[in-house]
Amino acid sequence: MKRILLDCDPGIDDALAIALAHGSPELEVVGITTVAGNVGLEHTTPNALSLTEFYGMDVPVAAGADRPLLRAPDTASTVHGATGLGDVVLPRAGAEPEPRHAVDFIIDTVTSSPGEISLVAVGPLTNIALALRKEPRLAEWVREFVVMGGSYTRGNLTPAAEFNIGADPEAASVVFGAPWHPVMFGLDLTHQARATAEVRERFAGLGRLQDELLGPCLDFYGSNRQYRDEGPAIHDACAVAHVIAPELFTTVPARVDVEISGRFTSGMTVTDFAPEAEHNALVATELDRRAFWDLLTDSFHGVARAMAGTNR
């Protein structure tokens, strides 16, 4: 069983990524850390706490950075709703966040189990950059590091920049400049993971998980104009799925640098696949769609069964 630490900014697709991690028998979730991103930290942290309680998870949640390293905060509230989960309002969690800052929680968790923790970041990379600055050996001690962010062809924050990278490009530059080889799940890959009507039919029978969270969240997410025709892209779950079943993805070695000063290209992940380039990452390019949705459906059914058992 792999042990996973998830750094996130819940966020609708973050909510699905957390459910996937929790419902997978191949994973043990050792912690969740939050960062400002899709919405502010005042929402991402309560959302993480409420989601873990809703799913029945016993896992610490630690709050992290409430703003980018150098820039003014930006959000994606038009996509995720004012509080991050569309129109869904979960009960306020009874638990409180970890007393430790997310940066210290990440460092402590990884250093206490070197070589064992799969670190997955699906929001802006502020917490990860700060953790690397405080403990550079973090890059040596993780089992693997997976990022949902970037793209080699497009953006969604700007024509050049994907949101998670563009929200804090200075942090992303620190992270991609560290001595590890992240696996980058950018828009080119995640747009292959769309929750179409056919996919959503597979979620029938999930009880409260479907009725109170998945259905309303995906309805809200899918109402965004960029998703109306093909269904919403479930970006963050792709990164978690790679930890569970890397064989579902084609990855290609590449050199990834983050543009931090371009007038029109700030936040762009400049990706060079040339064999002679000094590769510093693996970039996901192709998804086995059917197997991916099989994995998510099985995991969601596991979560739903556990929720039903808890509420009998």
C-alpha atoms as a PDB file:
ATOM      1  CA  MET A   1       0.000   0.000   0.000  1.00  0.00           C
ATOM      2  CA  LYS A   2       1.291   3.442  -0.942  1.00  0.00           C
ATOM      3  CA  ARG A   3       1.092   6.342   1.495  1.00  0.00           C
ATOM      4  CA  ILE A   4      -0.084   9.622  -0.023  1.00  0.00           C
ATOM      5  CA  LEU A   5       0.055  13.216   1.204  1.00  0.00           C
ATOM      6  CA  LEU A   6      -2.276  15.490  -0.770  1.00  0.00           C
ATOM      7  CA  ASP A   7      -1.649  19.245  -1.053  1.00  0.00           C
ATOM      8  CA  CYS A   8      -4.817  20.832  -2.458  1.00  0.00           C
ATOM      9  CA  ASP A   9      -7.183  23.798  -2.760  1.00  0.00           C
ATOM     10  CA  PRO A  10     -10.705  22.291  -2.615  1.00  0.00           C
ATOM     11  CA  GLY A  11     -12.258  22.968  -5.224  1.00  0.00           C
ATOM     12  CA  ILE A  12     -14.668  20.630  -6.989  1.00  0.00           C
ATOM     13  CA  ASP A  13     -12.101  18.432  -8.716  1.00  0.00           C
ATOM     14  CA  ASP A  14     -10.066  18.374  -5.487  1.00  0.00           C
ATOM     15  CA  ALA A  15     -13.140  16.922  -3.771  1.00  0.00           C
ATOM     16  CA  LEU A  16     -13.208  14.097  -6.318  1.00  0.00           C
ATOM     17  CA  ALA A  17      -9.456  13.552  -5.970  1.00  0.00           C
ATOM     18  CA  ILE A  18      -9.806  13.201  -2.190  1.00  0.00           C
ATOM     19  CA  ALA A  19     -12.646  10.700  -2.661  1.00  0.00           C
ATOM     20  CA  LEU A  20     -10.531   8.698  -5.118  1.00  0.00           C
ATOM     21  CA  ALA A  21      -7.612   8.548  -2.695  1.00  0.00           C
ATOM     22  CA  HIS A  22      -9.840   7.582   0.230  1.00  0.00           C
ATOM     23  CA  GLY A  23     -11.743   4.922  -1.703  1.00  0.00           C
ATOM     24  CA  SER A  24      -8.687   3.235  -3.174  1.00  0.00           C
ATOM     25  CA  PRO A  25      -7.515   0.116  -1.307  1.00  0.00           C
ATOM     26  CA  GLU A  26      -4.052   0.770  -2.750  1.00  0.00           C
ATOM     27  CA  LEU A  27      -3.625   4.035  -0.844  1.00  0.00           C
ATOM     28  CA  GLU A  28      -3.330   5.261   2.717  1.00  0.00           C
ATOM     29  CA  VAL A  29      -3.985   8.995   3.013  1.00  0.00           C
ATOM     30  CA  VAL A  30      -1.565  10.250   5.680  1.00  0.00           C
ATOM     31  CA  GLY A  31      -2.557  13.892   5.506  1.00  0.00           C
ATOM     32  CA  ILE A  32      -4.155  16.710   3.573  1.00  0.00           C
ATOM     33  CA  THR A  33      -2.651  20.182   3.373  1.00  0.00           C
ATOM     34  CA  THR A  34      -4.456  23.211   2.019  1.00  0.00           C
ATOM     35  CA  VAL A  35      -3.404  26.266   0.057  1.00  0.00           C
ATOM     36  CA  ALA A  36      -5.183  29.289  -1.365  1.00  0.00           C
ATOM     37  CA  GLY A  37      -6.074  28.724  -4.994  1.00  0.00           C
ATOM     38  CA  ASN A  38      -9.483  27.873  -6.432  1.00  0.00           C
ATOM     39  CA  VAL A  39     -10.837  29.929  -3.541  1.00  0.00           C
ATOM     40  CA  GLY A  40      -9.179  31.559  -0.548  1.00  0.00           C
ATOM     41  CA  LEU A  41      -7.671  29.610   2.340  1.00  0.00           C
ATOM     42  CA  GLU A  42     -10.641  30.652   4.480  1.00  0.00           C
ATOM     43  CA  HIS A  43     -12.673  28.301   2.271  1.00  0.00           C
ATOM     44  CA  THR A  44     -10.187  25.624   1.148  1.00  0.00           C
ATOM     45  CA  THR A  45      -9.346  24.567   4.706  1.00  0.00           C
ATOM     46  CA  PRO A  46     -12.969  24.263   5.952  1.00  0.00           C
ATOM     47  CA  ASN A  47     -13.814  22.493   2.691  1.00  0.00           C
ATOM     48  CA  ALA A  48     -11.056  19.937   3.274  1.00  0.00           C
ATOM     49  CA  LEU A  49     -12.233  19.359   6.837  1.00  0.00           C
ATOM     50  CA  SER A  50     -15.879  19.027   5.788  1.00  0.00           C
ATOM     51  CA  LEU A  51     -15.037  16.685   2.915  1.00  0.00           C
ATOM     52  CA  THR A  52     -12.977  14.353   5.088  1.00  0.00           C
ATOM     53  CA  GLU A  53     -15.787  14.224   7.644  1.00  0.00           C
ATOM     54  CA  PHE A  54     -18.405  13.676   4.925  1.00  0.00           C
ATOM     55  CA  TYR A  55     -16.388  10.789   3.460  1.00  0.00           C
ATOM     56  CA  GLY A  56     -15.685   9.327   6.904  1.00  0.00           C
ATOM     57  CA  MET A  57     -11.934   9.862   6.776  1.00  0.00           C
ATOM     58  CA  ASP A  58      -9.746  10.007   9.878  1.00  0.00           C
ATOM     59  CA  VAL A  59      -6.909  12.128   8.543  1.00  0.00           C
ATOM     60  CA  PRO A  60      -5.177  15.321   9.683  1.00  0.00           C
ATOM     61  CA  VAL A  61      -5.745  18.526   7.713  1.00  0.00           C
ATOM     62  CA  ALA A  62      -3.156  21.307   7.934  1.00  0.00           C
ATOM     63  CA  ALA A  63      -3.690  24.838   6.630  1.00  0.00           C
ATOM     64  CA  GLY A  64      -0.940  26.422   4.566  1.00  0.00           C
ATOM     65  CA  ALA A  65      -0.190  29.533   2.545  1.00  0.00           C
ATOM     66  CA  ASP A  66      -2.988  32.057   2.149  1.00  0.00           C
ATOM     67  CA  ARG A  67      -1.369  33.905  -0.750  1.00  0.00           C
ATOM     68  CA  PRO A  68       1.279  33.405  -3.458  1.00  0.00           C
ATOM     69  CA  LEU A  69       4.945  34.041  -2.726  1.00  0.00           C
ATOM     70  CA  LEU A  70       5.101  37.437  -4.437  1.00  0.00           C
ATOM     71  CA  ARG A  71       1.870  38.173  -6.269  1.00  0.00           C
ATOM     72  CA  ALA A  72      -1.633  39.249  -5.395  1.00  0.00           C
ATOM     73  CA  PRO A  73      -3.992  36.309  -4.857  1.00  0.00           C
ATOM     74  CA  ASP A  74      -6.168  35.137  -7.721  1.00  0.00           C
ATOM     75  CA  THR A  75      -9.013  32.619  -7.567  1.00  0.00           C
ATOM     76  CA  ALA A  76     -11.121  30.435  -9.831  1.00  0.00           C
ATOM     77  CA  SER A  77     -14.407  31.119  -8.048  1.00  0.00           C
ATOM     78  CA  THR A  78     -16.218  31.546 -11.366  1.00  0.00           C
ATOM     79  CA  VAL A  79     -15.492  27.863 -12.050  1.00  0.00           C
ATOM     80  CA  HIS A  80     -15.777  26.438  -8.515  1.00  0.00           C
ATOM     81  CA  GLY A  81     -18.276  28.802  -6.888  1.00  0.00           C
ATOM     82  CA  ALA A  82     -17.814  31.434  -4.221  1.00  0.00           C
ATOM     83  CA  THR A  83     -16.899  28.915  -1.511  1.00  0.00           C
ATOM     84  CA  GLY A  84     -15.296  26.273  -3.747  1.00  0.00           C
ATOM     85  CA  LEU A  85     -17.840  23.453  -3.974  1.00  0.00           C
ATOM     86  CA  GLY A  86     -20.340  25.003  -6.360  1.00  0.00           C
ATOM     87  CA  ASP A  87     -23.779  25.122  -4.759  1.00  0.00           C
ATOM     88  CA  VAL A  88     -22.963  22.351  -2.269  1.00  0.00           C
ATOM     89  CA  VAL A  89     -22.902  23.356   1.385  1.00  0.00           C
ATOM     90  CA  LEU A  90     -21.573  20.561   3.571  1.00  0.00           C
ATOM     91  CA  PRO A  91     -22.051  20.616   7.345  1.00  0.00           C
ATOM     92  CA  ARG A  92     -19.297  22.413   9.181  1.00  0.00           C
ATOM     93  CA  ALA A  93     -16.752  19.866  10.369  1.00  0.00           C
ATOM     94  CA  GLY A  94     -16.381  19.138  14.030  1.00  0.00           C
ATOM     95  CA  ALA A  95     -12.612  18.753  13.711  1.00  0.00           C
ATOM     96  CA  GLU A  96     -10.111  21.608  13.688  1.00  0.00           C
ATOM     97  CA  PRO A  97      -7.035  21.927  11.489  1.00  0.00           C
ATOM     98  CA  GLU A  98      -3.681  20.609  12.624  1.00  0.00           C
ATOM     99  CA  PRO A  99      -1.856  23.137  14.824  1.00  0.00           C
ATOM    100  CA  ARG A 100       1.187  22.863  12.545  1.00  0.00           C
ATOM    101  CA  HIS A 101       1.431  24.944   9.413  1.00  0.00           C
ATOM    102  CA  ALA A 102       1.093  22.880   6.238  1.00  0.00           C
ATOM    103  CA  VAL A 103       4.755  23.493   5.364  1.00  0.00           C
ATOM    104  CA  ASP A 104       5.906  21.992   8.649  1.00  0.00           C
ATOM    105  CA  PHE A 105       3.387  19.164   8.352  1.00  0.00           C
ATOM    106  CA  ILE A 106       4.719  18.265   4.886  1.00  0.00           C
ATOM    107  CA  ILE A 107       8.329  18.340   6.069  1.00  0.00           C
ATOM    108  CA  ASP A 108       7.622  16.359   9.257  1.00  0.00           C
ATOM    109  CA  THR A 109       5.573  13.722   7.429  1.00  0.00           C
ATOM    110  CA  VAL A 110       8.129  13.141   4.683  1.00  0.00           C
ATOM    111  CA  THR A 111      11.216  13.248   6.915  1.00  0.00           C
ATOM    112  CA  SER A 112       9.696  10.781   9.373  1.00  0.00           C
ATOM    113  CA  SER A 113       9.222   8.228   6.571  1.00  0.00           C
ATOM    114  CA  PRO A 114      11.902   8.851   3.939  1.00  0.00           C
ATOM    115  CA  GLY A 115      11.241   7.110   0.646  1.00  0.00           C
ATOM    116  CA  GLU A 116       7.678   6.191   1.608  1.00  0.00           C
ATOM    117  CA  ILE A 117       5.470   9.231   0.933  1.00  0.00           C
ATOM    118  CA  SER A 118       3.913  10.001  -2.445  1.00  0.00           C
ATOM    119  CA  LEU A 119       3.508  13.778  -2.415  1.00  0.00           C
ATOM    120  CA  VAL A 120       0.734  14.972  -4.725  1.00  0.00           C
ATOM    121  CA  ALA A 121       0.101  18.683  -5.324  1.00  0.00           C
ATOM    122  CA  VAL A 122      -3.119  19.666  -7.091  1.00  0.00           C
ATOM    123  CA  GLY A 123      -3.250  23.385  -6.299  1.00  0.00           C
ATOM    124  CA  PRO A 124      -0.829  26.297  -6.588  1.00  0.00           C
ATOM    125  CA  LEU A 125       2.647  25.192  -5.514  1.00  0.00           C
ATOM    126  CA  THR A 126       3.184  27.739  -2.738  1.00  0.00           C
ATOM    127  CA  ASN A 127       3.317  25.234   0.137  1.00  0.00           C
ATOM    128  CA  ILE A 128       5.684  22.943  -1.753  1.00  0.00           C
ATOM    129  CA  ALA A 129       8.067  25.789  -2.639  1.00  0.00           C
ATOM    130  CA  LEU A 130       8.134  26.993   0.967  1.00  0.00           C
ATOM    131  CA  ALA A 131       8.761  23.450   2.198  1.00  0.00           C
ATOM    132  CA  LEU A 132      11.670  23.052  -0.242  1.00  0.00           C
ATOM    133  CA  ARG A 133      13.152  26.363   0.869  1.00  0.00           C
ATOM    134  CA  LYS A 134      12.944  25.278   4.504  1.00  0.00           C
ATOM    135  CA  GLU A 135      14.121  21.678   3.914  1.00  0.00           C
ATOM    136  CA  PRO A 136      15.757  21.181   0.498  1.00  0.00           C
ATOM    137  CA  ARG A 137      16.274  17.472   1.180  1.00  0.00           C
ATOM    138  CA  LEU A 138      12.524  17.021   0.811  1.00  0.00           C
ATOM    139  CA  ALA A 139      13.218  16.456  -2.892  1.00  0.00           C
ATOM    140  CA  GLU A 140      15.400  13.451  -2.006  1.00  0.00           C
ATOM    141  CA  TRP A 141      13.098  11.937   0.596  1.00  0.00           C
ATOM    142  CA  VAL A 142       9.726  11.688  -1.173  1.00  0.00           C
ATOM    143  CA  ARG A 143       8.855   8.432  -2.885  1.00  0.00           C
ATOM    144  CA  GLU A 144       7.455  10.388  -5.838  1.00  0.00           C
ATOM    145  CA  PHE A 145       6.120  13.854  -6.545  1.00  0.00           C
ATOM    146  CA  VAL A 146       3.115  14.357  -8.806  1.00  0.00           C
ATOM    147  CA  VAL A 147       1.787  17.760  -9.900  1.00  0.00           C
ATOM    148  CA  MET A 148      -1.522  18.700 -11.463  1.00  0.00           C
ATOM    149  CA  GLY A 149      -0.605  21.867 -13.280  1.00  0.00           C
ATOM    150  CA  GLY A 150       0.805  23.345 -16.442  1.00  0.00           C
ATOM    151  CA  SER A 151       0.454  22.393 -20.073  1.00  0.00           C
ATOM    152  CA  TYR A 152       2.649  22.083 -23.136  1.00  0.00           C
ATOM    153  CA  THR A 153       0.115  23.599 -25.553  1.00  0.00           C
ATOM    154  CA  ARG A 154      -2.388  25.882 -23.831  1.00  0.00           C
ATOM    155  CA  GLY A 155      -3.579  27.750 -20.761  1.00  0.00           C
ATOM    156  CA  ASN A 156      -6.831  28.324 -18.907  1.00  0.00           C
ATOM    157  CA  LEU A 157      -5.881  31.229 -16.641  1.00  0.00           C
ATOM    158  CA  THR A 158      -4.405  33.001 -19.663  1.00  0.00           C
ATOM    159  CA  PRO A 159      -3.817  31.707 -23.198  1.00  0.00           C
ATOM    160  CA  ALA A 160      -0.343  30.625 -22.038  1.00  0.00           C
ATOM    161  CA  ALA A 161      -0.754  29.697 -18.358  1.00  0.00           C
ATOM    162  CA  GLU A 162      -2.686  26.962 -16.562  1.00  0.00           C
ATOM    163  CA  PHE A 163      -4.298  28.154 -13.312  1.00  0.00           C
ATOM    164  CA  ASN A 164      -2.280  26.273 -10.673  1.00  0.00           C
ATOM    165  CA  ILE A 165       1.026  27.383 -12.177  1.00  0.00           C
ATOM    166  CA  GLY A 166      -0.126  30.861 -13.176  1.00  0.00           C
ATOM    167  CA  ALA A 167      -1.514  31.568  -9.702  1.00  0.00           C
ATOM    168  CA  ASP A 168       2.015  31.393  -8.242  1.00  0.00           C
ATOM    169  CA  PRO A 169       4.635  31.062 -10.989  1.00  0.00           C
ATOM    170  CA  GLU A 170       7.508  31.951  -8.664  1.00  0.00           C
ATOM    171  CA  ALA A 171       6.618  28.995  -6.439  1.00  0.00           C
ATOM    172  CA  ALA A 172       6.276  26.723  -9.474  1.00  0.00           C
ATOM    173  CA  SER A 173       9.696  27.847 -10.695  1.00  0.00           C
ATOM    174  CA  VAL A 174      11.226  26.851  -7.356  1.00  0.00           C
ATOM    175  CA  VAL A 175       9.486  23.467  -7.471  1.00  0.00           C
ATOM    176  CA  PHE A 176      10.490  22.569 -11.040  1.00  0.00           C
ATOM    177  CA  GLY A 177      14.015  23.775 -10.313  1.00  0.00           C
ATOM    178  CA  ALA A 178      14.471  21.392  -7.372  1.00  0.00           C
ATOM    179  CA  PRO A 179      16.540  18.187  -7.767  1.00  0.00           C
ATOM    180  CA  TRP A 180      13.677  15.754  -8.324  1.00  0.00           C
ATOM    181  CA  HIS A 181      11.673  14.639 -11.352  1.00  0.00           C
ATOM    182  CA  PRO A 182       8.023  15.624 -10.892  1.00  0.00           C
ATOM    183  CA  VAL A 183       5.347  13.929 -12.947  1.00  0.00           C
ATOM    184  CA  MET A 184       3.389  16.801 -14.530  1.00  0.00           C
ATOM    185  CA  PHE A 185      -0.302  16.347 -15.276  1.00  0.00           C
ATOM    186  CA  GLY A 186      -1.162  19.349 -17.394  1.00  0.00           C
ATOM    187  CA  LEU A 187      -4.250  20.361 -19.310  1.00  0.00           C
ATOM    188  CA  ASP A 188      -3.229  18.323 -22.353  1.00  0.00           C
ATOM    189  CA  LEU A 189      -3.717  15.182 -20.269  1.00  0.00           C
ATOM    190  CA  THR A 190      -6.471  16.216 -17.890  1.00  0.00           C
ATOM    191  CA  HIS A 191      -8.771  17.393 -20.685  1.00  0.00           C
ATOM    192  CA  GLN A 192      -8.890  13.727 -21.722  1.00  0.00           C
ATOM    193  CA  ALA A 193     -10.605  12.955 -18.374  1.00  0.00           C
ATOM    194  CA  ARG A 194     -14.032  14.449 -18.962  1.00  0.00           C
ATOM    195  CA  ALA A 195     -17.091  13.485 -16.946  1.00  0.00           C
ATOM    196  CA  THR A 196     -19.426  12.986 -19.900  1.00  0.00           C
ATOM    197  CA  ALA A 197     -23.063  11.998 -19.570  1.00  0.00           C
ATOM    198  CA  GLU A 198     -22.020   8.372 -20.160  1.00  0.00           C
ATOM    199  CA  VAL A 199     -19.454   8.583 -17.380  1.00  0.00           C
ATOM    200  CA  ARG A 200     -21.925  10.136 -14.983  1.00  0.00           C
ATOM    201  CA  GLU A 201     -24.386   7.296 -15.567  1.00  0.00           C
ATOM    202  CA  ARG A 202     -21.773   5.054 -13.955  1.00  0.00           C
ATOM    203  CA  PHE A 203     -22.152   6.997 -10.700  1.00  0.00           C
ATOM    204  CA  ALA A 204     -25.778   5.921 -10.269  1.00  0.00           C
ATOM    205  CA  GLY A 205     -26.337   4.058  -7.028  1.00  0.00           C
ATOM    206  CA  LEU A 206     -23.735   5.988  -5.035  1.00  0.00           C
ATOM    207  CA  GLY A 207     -26.337   7.199  -2.544  1.00  0.00           C
ATOM    208  CA  ARG A 208     -25.451  10.284  -0.516  1.00  0.00           C
ATOM    209  CA  LEU A 209     -22.076  10.585  -2.245  1.00  0.00           C
ATOM    210  CA  GLN A 210     -23.835  11.090  -5.587  1.00  0.00           C
ATOM    211  CA  ASP A 211     -26.938  12.926  -4.384  1.00  0.00           C
ATOM    212  CA  GLU A 212     -25.317  15.378  -1.982  1.00  0.00           C
ATOM    213  CA  LEU A 213     -21.900  15.953  -3.532  1.00  0.00           C
ATOM    214  CA  LEU A 214     -20.901  14.437  -6.883  1.00  0.00           C
ATOM    215  CA  GLY A 215     -24.085  15.230  -8.771  1.00  0.00           C
ATOM    216  CA  PRO A 216     -24.488  18.851  -7.637  1.00  0.00           C
ATOM    217  CA  CYS A 217     -20.752  19.565  -7.939  1.00  0.00           C
ATOM    218  CA  LEU A 218     -20.507  18.157 -11.453  1.00  0.00           C
ATOM    219  CA  ASP A 219     -23.679  19.997 -12.483  1.00  0.00           C
ATOM    220  CA  PHE A 220     -22.140  23.267 -11.328  1.00  0.00           C
ATOM    221  CA  TYR A 221     -18.730  22.477 -12.803  1.00  0.00           C
ATOM    222  CA  GLY A 222     -20.246  21.431 -16.113  1.00  0.00           C
ATOM    223  CA  SER A 223     -22.253  24.654 -16.399  1.00  0.00           C
ATOM    224  CA  ASN A 224     -19.038  26.567 -17.063  1.00  0.00           C
ATOM    225  CA  ARG A 225     -18.912  27.525 -20.731  1.00  0.00           C
ATOM    226  CA  GLN A 226     -15.579  25.760 -21.342  1.00  0.00           C
ATOM    227  CA  TYR A 227     -17.161  22.425 -20.363  1.00  0.00           C
ATOM    228  CA  ARG A 228     -20.715  22.516 -21.714  1.00  0.00           C
ATOM    229  CA  ASP A 229     -20.124  20.429 -24.824  1.00  0.00           C
ATOM    230  CA  GLU A 230     -17.938  17.609 -23.523  1.00  0.00           C
ATOM    231  CA  GLY A 231     -18.424  17.527 -19.769  1.00  0.00           C
ATOM    232  CA  PRO A 232     -16.075  18.887 -17.088  1.00  0.00           C
ATOM    233  CA  ALA A 233     -12.459  17.794 -16.959  1.00  0.00           C
ATOM    234  CA  ILE A 234     -11.641  16.078 -13.670  1.00  0.00           C
ATOM    235  CA  HIS A 235      -8.104  17.455 -13.489  1.00  0.00           C
ATOM    236  CA  ASP A 236      -6.915  16.641  -9.977  1.00  0.00           C
ATOM    237  CA  ALA A 237      -8.053  13.022  -9.868  1.00  0.00           C
ATOM    238  CA  CYS A 238      -5.597  12.271 -12.688  1.00  0.00           C
ATOM    239  CA  ALA A 239      -2.632  13.000 -10.409  1.00  0.00           C
ATOM    240  CA  VAL A 240      -3.986  10.744  -7.666  1.00  0.00           C
ATOM    241  CA  ALA A 241      -4.796   8.022 -10.191  1.00  0.00           C
ATOM    242  CA  HIS A 242      -1.161   8.008 -11.327  1.00  0.00           C
ATOM    243  CA  VAL A 243      -0.043   7.087  -7.806  1.00  0.00           C
ATOM    244  CA  ILE A 244      -2.520   4.201  -7.797  1.00  0.00           C
ATOM    245  CA  ALA A 245      -2.090   2.942 -11.367  1.00  0.00           C
ATOM    246  CA  PRO A 246       0.699   4.619 -13.349  1.00  0.00           C
ATOM    247  CA  GLU A 247       0.110   2.172 -16.202  1.00  0.00           C
ATOM    248  CA  LEU A 248      -3.029   4.149 -17.117  1.00  0.00           C
ATOM    249  CA  PHE A 249      -0.862   6.987 -18.414  1.00  0.00           C
ATOM    250  CA  THR A 250       1.784   7.588 -21.031  1.00  0.00           C
ATOM    251  CA  THR A 251       4.535   9.849 -19.693  1.00  0.00           C
ATOM    252  CA  VAL A 252       7.401  11.369 -21.651  1.00  0.00           C
ATOM    253  CA  PRO A 253      10.661  12.808 -20.277  1.00  0.00           C
ATOM    254  CA  ALA A 254      10.934  16.556 -20.817  1.00  0.00           C
ATOM    255  CA  ARG A 255      12.541  19.761 -19.667  1.00  0.00           C
ATOM    256  CA  VAL A 256       9.976  21.980 -17.922  1.00  0.00           C
ATOM    257  CA  ASP A 257      10.758  25.597 -17.034  1.00  0.00           C
ATOM    258  CA  VAL A 258       8.294  28.113 -15.658  1.00  0.00           C
ATOM    259  CA  GLU A 259       8.095  31.575 -17.185  1.00  0.00           C
ATOM    260  CA  ILE A 260       7.913  34.202 -14.436  1.00  0.00           C
ATOM    261  CA  SER A 261       8.516  37.487 -16.246  1.00  0.00           C
ATOM    262  CA  GLY A 262       6.806  37.371 -19.650  1.00  0.00           C
ATOM    263  CA  ARG A 263       4.230  40.075 -20.261  1.00  0.00           C
ATOM    264  CA  PHE A 264       1.890  37.628 -21.995  1.00  0.00           C
ATOM    265  CA  THR A 265       3.394  34.299 -20.923  1.00  0.00           C
ATOM    266  CA  SER A 266       3.874  34.544 -17.148  1.00  0.00           C
ATOM    267  CA  GLY A 267       3.036  31.147 -15.638  1.00  0.00           C
ATOM    268  CA  MET A 268       3.648  29.232 -18.859  1.00  0.00           C
ATOM    269  CA  THR A 269       5.286  25.817 -18.455  1.00  0.00           C
ATOM    270  CA  VAL A 270       7.831  25.877 -21.270  1.00  0.00           C
ATOM    271  CA  THR A 271       8.209  22.201 -22.163  1.00  0.00           C
ATOM    272  CA  ASP A 272      11.023  20.755 -24.255  1.00  0.00           C
ATOM    273  CA  PHE A 273      10.678  17.099 -25.268  1.00  0.00           C
ATOM    274  CA  ALA A 274      13.903  17.076 -27.303  1.00  0.00           C
ATOM    275  CA  PRO A 275      16.108  14.070 -26.457  1.00  0.00           C
ATOM    276  CA  GLU A 276      19.112  16.332 -25.925  1.00  0.00           C
ATOM    277  CA  ALA A 277      17.276  18.577 -23.443  1.00  0.00           C
ATOM    278  CA  GLU A 278      18.251  18.287 -19.787  1.00  0.00           C
ATOM    279  CA  HIS A 279      15.080  16.537 -18.667  1.00  0.00           C
ATOM    280  CA  ASN A 280      13.823  17.427 -15.200  1.00  0.00           C
ATOM    281  CA  ALA A 281      10.294  15.971 -15.313  1.00  0.00           C
ATOM    282  CA  LEU A 282       7.981  13.376 -16.747  1.00  0.00           C
ATOM    283  CA  VAL A 283       5.040  14.879 -18.628  1.00  0.00           C
ATOM    284  CA  ALA A 284       1.792  12.917 -18.943  1.00  0.00           C
ATOM    285  CA  THR A 285       0.498  12.886 -22.510  1.00  0.00           C
ATOM    286  CA  GLU A 286      -2.055  10.070 -22.947  1.00  0.00           C
ATOM    287  CA  LEU A 287      -4.787   8.572 -20.763  1.00  0.00           C
ATOM    288  CA  ASP A 288      -6.457   5.163 -20.882  1.00  0.00           C
ATOM    289  CA  ARG A 289      -9.895   6.705 -20.473  1.00  0.00           C
ATOM    290  CA  ARG A 290     -11.931   3.554 -19.870  1.00  0.00           C
ATOM    291  CA  ALA A 291      -9.537   2.190 -17.258  1.00  0.00           C
ATOM    292  CA  PHE A 292      -9.372   5.608 -15.582  1.00  0.00           C
ATOM    293  CA  TRP A 293     -13.132   5.797 -15.157  1.00  0.00           C
ATOM    294  CA  ASP A 294     -13.225   2.157 -14.014  1.00  0.00           C
ATOM    295  CA  LEU A 295     -10.749   3.118 -11.294  1.00  0.00           C
ATOM    296  CA  LEU A 296     -12.728   6.174 -10.192  1.00  0.00           C
ATOM    297  CA  THR A 297     -16.053   4.351 -10.247  1.00  0.00           C
ATOM    298  CA  ASP A 298     -14.715   1.484  -8.142  1.00  0.00           C
ATOM    299  CA  SER A 299     -13.185   3.897  -5.628  1.00  0.00           C
ATOM    300  CA  PHE A 300     -16.334   6.009  -5.402  1.00  0.00           C
ATOM    301  CA  HIS A 301     -18.406   2.886  -4.775  1.00  0.00           C
ATOM    302  CA  GLY A 302     -16.024   2.004  -1.960  1.00  0.00           C
ATOM    303  CA  VAL A 303     -16.524   5.440  -0.386  1.00  0.00           C
ATOM    304  CA  ALA A 304     -20.296   5.217  -0.846  1.00  0.00           C
ATOM    305  CA  ARG A 305     -20.457   1.785   0.815  1.00  0.00           C
ATOM    306  CA  ALA A 306     -18.446   3.028   3.784  1.00  0.00           C
ATOM    307  CA  MET A 307     -20.673   6.110   4.107  1.00  0.00           C
ATOM    308  CA  ALA A 308     -23.807   3.964   3.997  1.00  0.00           C
ATOM    309  CA  GLY A 309     -22.401   1.663   6.663  1.00  0.00           C
ATOM    310  CA  THR A 310     -21.537   4.595   8.900  1.00  0.00           C
ATOM    311  CA  ASN A 311     -25.025   6.057   8.614  1.00  0.00           C
ATOM    312  CA  ARG A 312     -27.068   2.914   9.256  1.00  0.00           C
END
